[in-house]
Protein backbone atom coordinates (compact mmCIF):
# COMPACT_ATOMS: atom_id res chain seq x y z
CA UNK A 1 0.00 0.00 0.00
CA UNK A 2 1.37 3.39 -1.00
CA UNK A 3 1.87 5.72 1.96
CA UNK A 4 3.41 9.04 2.91
CA UNK A 5 5.12 9.95 6.17
CA UNK A 6 7.82 12.17 7.61
CA UNK A 7 9.97 9.12 8.33
CA UNK A 8 10.33 6.41 10.98
CA UNK A 9 8.28 7.04 14.08
CA UNK A 10 5.73 9.25 12.31
CA UNK A 11 2.33 8.23 11.00
CA UNK A 12 2.24 6.57 7.58
CA UNK A 13 -0.69 8.15 5.79
CA UNK A 14 -2.20 5.87 3.14
CA UNK A 15 -2.61 7.53 -0.23
CA UNK A 16 -5.91 5.66 -0.43
CA UNK A 17 -7.17 8.41 1.91
CA UNK A 18 -7.13 10.83 -1.00
CA UNK A 19 -8.41 8.25 -3.50
CA UNK A 20 -11.41 7.63 -1.25
CA UNK A 21 -12.07 11.37 -1.09
CA UNK A 22 -12.08 11.49 -4.89
CA UNK A 23 -14.45 8.54 -5.05
CA UNK A 24 -16.83 10.21 -2.60
CA UNK A 25 -16.75 13.35 -4.70
CA UNK A 26 -17.36 11.51 -7.98
CA UNK A 27 -20.40 9.78 -6.46
CA UNK A 28 -21.96 13.20 -5.87
CA UNK A 29 -21.39 14.42 -9.44
CA UNK A 30 -22.56 13.43 -12.92
CA UNK A 31 -20.95 11.76 -15.91
CA UNK A 32 -19.54 14.31 -18.33
CA UNK A 33 -18.33 16.60 -15.55
CA UNK A 34 -14.61 17.12 -14.91
CA UNK A 35 -13.43 18.72 -11.68
CA UNK A 36 -10.45 21.07 -12.04
CA UNK A 37 -8.63 22.32 -8.94
CA UNK A 38 -5.66 24.65 -8.75
CA UNK A 39 -3.12 24.12 -5.99
CA UNK A 40 -1.23 26.77 -4.09
CA UNK A 41 1.76 28.73 -5.39
CA UNK A 42 5.03 29.76 -3.81
CA UNK A 43 4.74 33.27 -2.40
CA UNK A 44 7.71 35.62 -2.05
CA UNK A 45 8.19 37.66 1.09
CA UNK A 46 7.36 41.10 -0.27
CA UNK A 47 9.85 41.95 -3.07
CA UNK A 48 12.56 39.52 -1.99
CA UNK A 49 13.76 36.24 -3.46
CA UNK A 50 12.93 34.48 -0.17
CA UNK A 51 9.66 32.56 -0.04
CA UNK A 52 7.31 31.63 2.77
CA UNK A 53 7.41 27.97 3.80
CA UNK A 54 4.90 26.41 1.42
CA UNK A 55 1.72 24.81 2.66
CA UNK A 56 -0.69 23.31 0.15
CA UNK A 57 -4.22 24.66 -0.35
CA UNK A 58 -6.69 22.60 1.67
CA UNK A 59 -9.21 21.54 -0.99
CA UNK A 60 -6.29 20.49 -3.19
CA UNK A 61 -4.81 18.47 -0.33
CA UNK A 62 -8.18 16.80 0.29
CA UNK A 63 -8.42 15.64 -3.33
CA UNK A 64 -4.89 14.41 -4.01
CA UNK A 65 -2.45 15.05 -1.15
CA UNK A 66 0.08 16.69 -3.50
CA UNK A 67 2.64 18.71 -1.55
CA UNK A 68 4.41 20.69 -4.32
CA UNK A 69 3.38 24.21 -5.40
CA UNK A 70 2.23 25.25 -8.85
CA UNK A 71 0.13 22.15 -9.63
CA UNK A 72 -3.34 21.47 -11.00
CA UNK A 73 -5.57 18.45 -10.54
CA UNK A 74 -8.46 17.09 -12.59
CA UNK A 75 -10.98 14.36 -11.76
CA UNK A 76 -12.89 12.85 -14.68
CA UNK A 77 -16.23 11.86 -13.19
CA UNK A 78 -17.11 9.62 -16.14
CA UNK A 79 -14.09 7.35 -15.66
CA UNK A 80 -13.09 8.15 -12.09
CA UNK A 81 -9.54 8.77 -13.32
CA UNK A 82 -7.29 11.30 -11.61
CA UNK A 83 -5.00 13.63 -13.58
CA UNK A 84 -2.18 15.57 -11.91
CA UNK A 85 -0.48 18.46 -13.69
CA UNK A 86 2.97 19.50 -12.44
CA UNK A 87 5.14 22.46 -13.46
CA UNK A 88 7.69 21.91 -16.23
CA UNK A 89 10.80 23.02 -14.36
CA UNK A 90 14.09 24.17 -15.95
CA UNK A 91 17.20 22.01 -15.79
CA UNK A 92 18.77 24.58 -13.45
CA UNK A 93 16.23 23.51 -10.83
CA UNK A 94 18.28 20.36 -10.27
CA UNK A 95 21.34 22.40 -9.28
CA UNK A 96 19.61 24.43 -6.60
CA UNK A 97 16.51 22.53 -5.53
CA UNK A 98 17.10 18.82 -6.09
CA UNK A 99 16.37 16.11 -8.58
CA UNK A 100 13.94 16.84 -11.39
CA UNK A 101 11.22 14.21 -11.17
CA UNK A 102 9.66 12.70 -14.29
CA UNK A 103 5.90 12.45 -14.63
CA UNK A 104 6.05 8.70 -14.01
CA UNK A 105 7.80 9.35 -10.69
CA UNK A 106 5.08 11.78 -9.59
CA UNK A 107 2.51 9.19 -10.61
CA UNK A 108 4.11 6.67 -8.26
CA UNK A 109 4.57 9.15 -5.39
CA UNK A 110 0.94 10.26 -5.37
CA UNK A 111 -0.78 7.12 -6.70
CA UNK A 112 -2.74 9.00 -9.36
CA UNK A 113 -3.78 7.66 -12.76
CA UNK A 114 -2.00 10.13 -15.03
CA UNK A 115 0.56 12.91 -14.67
CA UNK A 116 1.20 15.63 -17.22
CA UNK A 117 2.83 19.06 -17.26
CA UNK A 118 0.82 22.18 -16.49
CA UNK A 119 1.42 23.55 -19.98
CA UNK A 120 -0.44 20.50 -21.34
CA UNK A 121 -3.60 20.97 -19.30
CA UNK A 122 -5.73 22.40 -22.11
CA UNK A 123 -4.88 19.61 -24.53
CA UNK A 124 -5.32 16.84 -21.97
CA UNK A 125 -8.69 18.18 -20.86
CA UNK A 126 -9.76 18.43 -24.50
CA UNK A 127 -9.07 14.71 -24.91
CA UNK A 128 -11.38 13.99 -21.96
CA UNK A 129 -14.21 15.64 -23.91
CA UNK A 130 -15.96 17.10 -20.87
CA UNK A 131 -19.47 18.43 -21.12
CA UNK A 132 -18.54 20.90 -18.40
CA UNK A 133 -15.59 21.79 -16.15
CA UNK A 134 -16.37 22.27 -12.47
CA UNK A 135 -14.18 24.83 -10.73
CA UNK A 136 -14.19 25.79 -7.06
CA UNK A 137 -15.55 29.13 -5.92
CA UNK A 138 -17.35 29.81 -2.68
CA UNK A 139 -17.21 31.80 0.55
CA UNK A 140 -15.30 30.81 3.65
CA UNK A 141 -17.75 31.88 6.34
CA UNK A 142 -14.99 32.25 8.96
CA UNK A 143 -12.65 34.51 6.98
CA UNK A 144 -15.08 36.09 4.53
CA UNK A 145 -12.67 35.21 1.72
CA UNK A 146 -13.41 33.15 -1.38
CA UNK A 147 -11.83 29.85 -2.38
CA UNK A 148 -9.34 30.21 -5.24
CA UNK A 149 -10.92 29.25 -8.53
CA UNK A 150 -8.79 27.35 -11.06
CA UNK A 151 -7.69 29.39 -14.06
CA UNK A 152 -5.32 28.35 -16.84
CA UNK A 153 -4.48 29.32 -20.39
CA UNK A 154 -7.17 27.89 -22.64
CA UNK A 155 -9.93 27.56 -20.05
CA UNK A 156 -12.13 29.77 -22.21
CA UNK A 157 -12.34 26.87 -24.67
CA UNK A 158 -14.54 24.98 -22.20
CA UNK A 159 -17.95 25.39 -20.64
CA UNK A 160 -17.21 26.15 -16.98
CA UNK A 161 -19.43 26.09 -13.89
CA UNK A 162 -18.13 27.52 -10.60
CA UNK A 163 -21.24 26.97 -8.44
CA UNK A 164 -21.92 23.21 -8.47
CA UNK A 165 -18.69 22.00 -6.86
CA UNK A 166 -18.23 24.17 -3.77
CA UNK A 167 -21.18 23.10 -1.57
CA UNK A 168 -20.60 19.44 -2.43
CA UNK A 169 -16.88 19.26 -1.68
CA UNK A 170 -17.19 21.48 1.41
CA UNK A 171 -19.87 19.20 2.85
CA UNK A 172 -17.74 16.14 2.13
CA UNK A 173 -14.92 17.74 4.10
CA UNK A 174 -17.22 18.09 7.12
CA UNK A 175 -17.72 14.32 7.46
CA UNK A 176 -14.38 12.61 8.00
CA UNK A 177 -13.47 9.17 6.64
CA UNK A 178 -11.85 6.56 8.91
CA UNK A 179 -8.52 7.29 7.22
CA UNK A 180 -8.83 11.01 7.92
CA UNK A 181 -9.82 10.32 11.52
CA UNK A 182 -6.64 8.28 12.02
CA UNK A 183 -4.53 11.23 10.87
CA UNK A 184 -6.42 13.53 13.23
CA UNK A 185 -5.99 11.10 16.12
CA UNK A 186 -2.25 11.21 15.42
CA UNK A 187 -1.87 14.98 15.20
CA UNK A 188 -4.04 15.46 18.31
CA UNK A 189 -1.91 12.96 20.24
CA UNK A 190 1.32 14.64 19.13
CA UNK A 191 -0.09 18.04 20.10
CA UNK A 192 -1.36 16.70 23.43
CA UNK A 193 2.09 15.34 24.26
CA UNK A 194 3.65 18.66 23.27
CA UNK A 195 1.30 20.51 25.64
CA UNK A 196 2.29 18.15 28.44
CA UNK A 197 5.96 18.90 27.75
CA UNK A 198 5.20 22.61 28.00
CA UNK A 199 3.42 22.15 31.33
CA UNK A 200 6.47 20.34 32.69
CA UNK A 201 8.79 23.07 31.40
CA UNK A 202 6.84 26.19 32.38
CA UNK A 203 7.74 28.08 35.55
CA UNK A 204 7.93 31.66 36.75
CA UNK A 205 10.84 33.57 35.22
CA UNK A 206 10.57 32.05 31.73
CA UNK A 207 9.32 33.90 28.67
CA UNK A 208 6.05 32.90 27.03
CA UNK A 209 7.90 32.29 23.75
CA UNK A 210 10.26 29.87 25.46
CA UNK A 211 7.24 27.74 26.32
CA UNK A 212 6.04 28.11 22.73
CA UNK A 213 9.40 26.85 21.48
CA UNK A 214 9.05 23.65 23.55
CA UNK A 215 5.71 22.98 21.86
CA UNK A 216 7.08 23.64 18.39
CA UNK A 217 10.11 21.44 19.05
CA UNK A 218 8.08 18.44 20.17
CA UNK A 219 5.57 18.67 17.33
CA UNK A 220 8.30 18.83 14.69
CA UNK A 221 11.13 16.78 16.21
CA UNK A 222 8.97 13.98 17.58
CA UNK A 223 5.78 14.20 15.53
CA UNK A 224 7.10 15.29 12.14
CA UNK A 225 4.76 18.30 12.07
CA UNK A 226 6.55 20.79 9.85
CA UNK A 227 3.69 23.23 10.35
CA UNK A 228 1.49 24.32 13.19
CA UNK A 229 -2.10 25.08 12.31
CA UNK A 230 -2.16 28.70 13.51
CA UNK A 231 -0.01 31.20 15.37
CA UNK A 232 0.61 29.86 18.87
CA UNK A 233 -1.20 31.69 21.68
CA UNK A 234 0.87 31.66 24.88
CA UNK A 235 -0.85 34.12 27.19
CA UNK A 236 0.12 34.42 30.83
CA UNK A 237 -1.47 36.65 33.43
CA UNK A 238 -3.59 39.39 31.87
CA UNK A 239 -2.48 38.31 28.36
CA UNK A 240 -4.78 35.30 28.73
CA UNK A 241 -7.72 37.71 28.37
CA UNK A 242 -6.57 38.59 24.83
CA UNK A 243 -8.33 35.92 22.80
CA UNK A 244 -5.91 35.92 19.86
CA UNK A 245 -2.74 36.89 21.72
CA UNK A 246 0.60 35.94 20.17
CA UNK A 247 0.39 38.09 17.03
CA UNK A 248 3.19 40.34 15.74
CA UNK A 249 2.20 43.18 18.06
CA UNK A 250 2.17 40.90 21.12
CA UNK A 251 4.58 38.06 20.27
CA UNK A 252 4.36 35.81 23.34
CA UNK A 253 7.07 37.92 24.99
CA UNK A 254 5.92 38.42 28.60
CA UNK A 255 7.76 36.80 31.51
CA UNK A 256 5.71 34.23 33.44
CA UNK A 257 5.24 35.47 37.00
CA UNK A 258 4.49 33.61 40.20
CA UNK A 259 0.70 33.61 40.56
CA UNK A 260 0.00 33.85 36.82
CA UNK A 261 -2.44 31.58 35.06
CA UNK A 262 -1.19 30.44 31.66
CA UNK A 263 -3.54 29.98 28.70
CA UNK A 264 -1.66 28.18 25.94
CA UNK A 265 -3.61 27.51 22.72
CA UNK A 266 -1.46 25.55 20.22
CA UNK A 267 -1.97 22.82 17.63
CA UNK A 268 0.30 20.87 15.31
CA UNK A 269 -0.42 20.02 11.69
CA UNK A 270 0.35 16.73 9.95
CA UNK A 271 -0.38 15.84 6.32
CA UNK A 272 -2.44 19.03 6.22
CA UNK A 273 -4.71 18.03 9.13
CA UNK A 274 -4.99 20.32 12.14
CA UNK A 275 -5.10 19.99 15.91
CA UNK A 276 -6.30 22.84 18.11
CA UNK A 277 -5.83 22.36 21.85
CA UNK A 278 -5.83 24.81 24.76
CA UNK A 279 -4.44 24.10 28.20
CA UNK A 280 -4.81 26.50 31.13
CA UNK A 281 -2.66 26.01 34.22
CA UNK A 282 -0.90 27.99 36.97
CA UNK A 283 2.66 29.01 36.12
CA UNK A 284 3.88 27.82 39.53
CA UNK A 285 2.03 24.51 39.31
CA UNK A 286 -0.42 25.16 42.15
CA UNK A 287 -3.93 26.60 41.81
CA UNK A 288 -5.09 29.32 44.19
CA UNK A 289 -8.65 29.17 45.48
CA UNK A 290 -9.71 31.87 42.99
CA UNK A 291 -7.94 30.18 40.08
CA UNK A 292 -9.58 26.89 40.97
CA UNK A 293 -13.05 28.49 40.98
CA UNK A 294 -12.67 29.85 37.45
CA UNK A 295 -10.94 26.76 36.09
CA UNK A 296 -13.52 24.34 37.46
CA UNK A 297 -16.36 26.51 36.13
CA UNK A 298 -14.90 26.18 32.64
CA UNK A 299 -14.26 22.48 33.15
CA UNK A 300 -17.90 22.02 34.17
CA UNK A 301 -18.90 23.60 30.87
CA UNK A 302 -16.60 21.28 28.93
CA UNK A 303 -17.86 18.24 30.80
CA UNK A 304 -21.50 19.12 30.16
CA UNK A 305 -20.95 19.21 26.39
CA UNK A 306 -18.90 15.99 26.36
CA UNK A 307 -21.77 14.26 28.16
CA UNK A 308 -24.55 15.55 25.88
CA UNK A 309 -23.05 15.95 22.41
CA UNK A 310 -24.18 13.31 19.91
CA UNK A 311 -25.69 13.09 16.42
CA UNK A 312 -28.83 15.19 16.03
CA UNK A 313 -27.99 17.65 18.81
CA UNK A 314 -27.86 21.30 17.74
CA UNK A 315 -24.52 23.05 18.25
CA UNK A 316 -26.35 26.19 19.38
CA UNK A 317 -27.91 24.15 22.20
CA UNK A 318 -24.47 22.85 23.19
CA UNK A 319 -23.16 26.41 23.39
CA UNK A 320 -25.95 27.45 25.73
CA UNK A 321 -25.56 24.25 27.76
CA UNK A 322 -21.90 25.12 28.34
CA UNK A 323 -22.82 28.69 29.25
CA UNK A 324 -25.36 27.51 31.82
CA UNK A 325 -22.94 25.08 33.43
CA UNK A 326 -20.24 27.73 33.75
CA UNK A 327 -22.55 30.44 35.07
CA UNK A 328 -24.09 28.06 37.60
CA UNK A 329 -20.65 27.16 38.94
CA UNK A 330 -19.63 30.82 39.17
CA UNK A 331 -22.87 31.57 40.98
CA UNK A 332 -22.18 28.80 43.49
CA UNK A 333 -18.72 30.32 44.00
CA UNK A 334 -20.16 33.75 44.74
CA UNK A 335 -18.93 35.57 41.65
CA UNK A 336 -22.43 35.85 40.18
CA UNK A 337 -25.89 36.12 41.69
CA UNK A 338 -29.43 35.72 40.45
CA UNK A 339 -31.16 33.37 38.02
CA UNK A 340 -28.89 31.80 35.39
CA UNK A 341 -31.55 31.93 32.64
CA UNK A 342 -32.04 35.62 33.34
CA UNK A 343 -28.26 36.08 33.13
CA UNK A 344 -28.26 34.56 29.67
CA UNK A 345 -31.17 36.76 28.56
CA UNK A 346 -29.14 39.77 29.70
CA UNK A 347 -26.00 38.58 27.89
CA UNK A 348 -23.83 37.89 30.94
CA UNK A 349 -22.57 34.74 29.23
CA UNK A 350 -21.20 36.86 26.39
CA UNK A 351 -19.39 39.15 28.83
CA UNK A 352 -17.42 36.27 30.34
CA UNK A 353 -17.15 34.18 27.14
CA UNK A 354 -17.43 36.39 24.05
CA UNK A 355 -16.61 33.60 21.60
CA UNK A 356 -18.51 30.54 20.44
CA UNK A 357 -18.27 27.08 21.97
CA UNK A 358 -16.04 25.71 19.20
CA UNK A 359 -15.74 24.99 15.51
CA UNK A 360 -15.35 22.29 12.90
CA UNK A 361 -11.80 20.97 12.59
CA UNK A 362 -9.99 19.25 9.73
CA UNK A 363 -7.71 20.45 6.96
CA UNK A 364 -8.25 23.97 8.29
CA UNK A 365 -8.23 24.81 11.96
CA UNK A 366 -11.55 26.61 11.44
CA UNK A 367 -12.72 24.02 8.98
CA UNK A 368 -15.22 24.61 6.19
CA UNK A 369 -18.91 23.79 6.26
CA UNK A 370 -20.18 25.95 9.09
CA UNK A 371 -22.79 27.85 7.11
CA UNK A 372 -23.33 26.09 3.79
CA UNK A 373 -26.57 26.83 1.91
CA UNK A 374 -28.39 23.74 3.23
CA UNK A 375 -27.37 24.45 6.85
CA UNK A 376 -29.05 26.64 9.47
CA UNK A 377 -28.22 30.29 8.92
CA UNK A 378 -26.00 32.23 11.29
CA UNK A 379 -28.11 33.07 14.36
CA UNK A 380 -28.94 36.62 15.34
CA UNK A 381 -27.72 38.30 18.51
CA UNK A 382 -25.00 36.86 20.76
CA UNK A 383 -25.10 33.45 19.04
CA UNK A 384 -23.91 35.10 15.83
CA UNK A 385 -20.37 34.50 17.06
CA UNK A 386 -20.82 30.75 16.66
CA UNK A 387 -18.83 29.39 13.70
CA UNK A 388 -21.63 26.92 12.95
CA UNK A 389 -25.25 26.40 14.02
CA UNK A 390 -25.55 22.90 12.58
CA UNK A 391 -26.93 19.71 14.02
CA UNK A 392 -24.11 17.35 14.95
CA UNK A 393 -23.48 14.36 12.71
CA UNK A 394 -21.39 11.23 13.21
CA UNK A 395 -17.80 11.60 11.97
CA UNK A 396 -17.66 15.34 12.43
CA UNK A 397 -14.57 16.57 14.28
CA UNK A 398 -15.00 19.73 16.34
CA UNK A 399 -13.40 21.66 19.15
CA UNK A 400 -15.13 22.10 22.49
CA UNK A 401 -13.58 25.24 23.96
CA UNK A 402 -15.51 27.06 26.67
CA UNK A 403 -13.73 29.89 28.43
CA UNK A 404 -14.06 32.51 31.14
CA UNK A 405 -12.14 35.77 30.74
CA UNK A 406 -11.85 39.04 32.61
CA UNK A 407 -11.64 41.42 29.67
CA UNK A 408 -11.48 45.04 30.89
CA UNK A 409 -13.61 46.55 28.13
CA UNK A 410 -16.37 43.95 28.51
CA UNK A 411 -16.38 44.13 32.31
CA UNK A 412 -16.62 47.90 32.20
CA UNK A 413 -19.51 47.66 29.74
CA UNK A 414 -21.32 45.19 32.00
CA UNK A 415 -20.77 47.35 35.06
CA UNK A 416 -22.29 50.32 33.24
CA UNK A 417 -25.28 48.25 32.04
CA UNK A 418 -27.94 47.93 34.76
CA UNK A 419 -29.43 44.85 33.06
CA UNK A 420 -26.10 43.03 33.41
CA UNK A 421 -24.46 44.70 36.39
CA UNK A 422 -26.99 43.32 38.89
CA UNK A 423 -25.82 39.74 38.28
CA UNK A 424 -22.19 40.38 39.29
CA UNK A 425 -20.66 40.45 42.74
CA UNK A 426 -18.40 43.35 41.83
CA UNK A 427 -16.41 43.26 45.05
CA UNK A 428 -15.37 39.71 44.17
CA UNK A 429 -15.01 40.44 40.44
CA UNK A 430 -12.48 43.16 41.27
CA UNK A 431 -10.17 40.46 42.67
CA UNK A 432 -10.01 38.93 39.20
CA UNK A 433 -9.31 42.08 37.19
CA UNK A 434 -5.95 41.67 35.50
CA UNK A 435 -5.90 37.92 36.05
CA UNK A 436 -6.59 37.04 32.41
CA UNK A 437 -8.77 34.02 31.96
CA UNK A 438 -9.15 30.30 31.40
CA UNK A 439 -9.96 28.29 28.30
CA UNK A 440 -10.19 24.50 28.01
CA UNK A 441 -10.17 23.23 24.43
CA UNK A 442 -10.53 19.61 23.39
CA UNK A 443 -10.65 18.16 19.89
CA UNK A 444 -13.46 15.61 19.70
CA UNK A 445 -14.94 13.16 17.22
CA UNK A 446 -18.71 12.80 17.10
CA UNK A 447 -19.49 9.08 17.10
CA UNK A 448 -22.76 7.26 16.46
CA UNK A 449 -23.60 7.48 20.17
CA UNK A 450 -21.68 10.43 21.60
CA UNK A 451 -18.14 11.80 21.75
CA UNK A 452 -14.64 10.37 21.42
CA UNK A 453 -12.16 12.81 22.90
CA UNK A 454 -8.99 12.93 20.78
CA UNK A 455 -7.19 15.12 23.35
CA UNK A 456 -5.04 13.53 26.06
CA UNK A 457 -3.85 16.12 28.58
CA UNK A 458 -4.34 16.58 32.33
CA UNK A 459 -7.67 18.31 32.80
CA UNK A 460 -8.75 18.27 36.46
CA UNK A 461 -7.03 20.50 39.00
CA UNK A 462 -5.58 17.43 40.71
CA UNK A 463 -4.26 15.98 37.42
CA UNK A 464 -2.59 19.25 36.44
CA UNK A 465 -0.94 19.76 39.81
CA UNK A 466 0.28 16.15 39.89
CA UNK A 467 1.63 16.34 36.35
CA UNK A 468 3.46 19.61 36.90
CA UNK A 469 4.91 18.45 40.25
CA UNK A 470 5.91 14.93 39.40
CA UNK A 471 5.76 14.49 35.63
CA UNK A 472 2.90 12.06 35.99
CA UNK A 473 2.63 9.71 33.04
CA UNK A 474 -0.76 11.01 31.93
CA UNK A 475 -2.12 9.14 28.89
């Protein structure tokens, strides 16, 4: 069986994974149609001759697993045959970049039916005699950007449709095959182990980016993950209240201080598939009473969703379930007061957790399919922040990531809003100002009956303290 891996000790990904994806796609289309996808290109850093580390476009990866830039791919629905088109590179390439591979070698590497050069694409497609070419064009509802539609010299010679393909292939990406699930199990395990290494390494006096480097090292050196799936978020203390901390203006550069909570959100990427895991823990390895209250409120929210999530359940209901569990715990701890349902009506849940419960996960960290045409529309009001409002289905992979944050702007707004202010014990809330926040994020597979958690990190207060003190062998 043809496979791809990053070498001994890393997962061998069967190329049949991509062949099965193509078969699933062909079954949804009609004879006479030919799918044409354009892969990613090398991109220079501004006007220099240095290029960003290449990562293949996700739909292209899903269909063929090809790792090189500048390629095209065609699937002939009538025959089921796959056609890869690779750049015709100059002989000088071999001097600077490595051996020039023949088409037959690419055919063997990627287990496709035919390989041609990109400059032959028009003539090859002509020989297939398609009734119509299907290109990919559609909105990514997380970014607001549009998928890159294939264009090539001579495409005007064909009848082209750019509407049929997108909703079909995006929906297929939502439901993972067993082969895809195995890759995601692997990258989630590698990322979980990397988080555990960070928890053992972290201590007051270190920089946030030093902890980030431990994560990156484990994912790449041990797991073969050349990429991570997004910019690592390593927020300590008040930085944990910045939801997308770690960007160029705040590059994980604070020193961890005794008494800080750390919120580290990091995920490796293997064969294009993403992990997305957040661990929150005290920098000194020991929770204070206040830290424990917030952490266990968030854990109660996570636990409630893990218990109840299953096929047919609405994701919007899971979000509100998590909110209720967290608010109830905070009320029991004295931070909030009043009726929890009234709190939700007033938007208190959105003050403490301004983001949605989680998102689809796969070849993109915020994976496609959240708001396709056949799916429930984006809700109005506070639930508009949810990245999907779908009913859960077996073989979806999602994140469950409730959080509780003390964000100055949101707290000030709540304090000035009589409808929200009455639910807070402000004397107690003031103890938490500047403390940041907590997020617990697991990557889970929806099974026929419930949830399989793909994340393996210490989660209870006792587990975290034991792991950080003694390097407990948590599996």
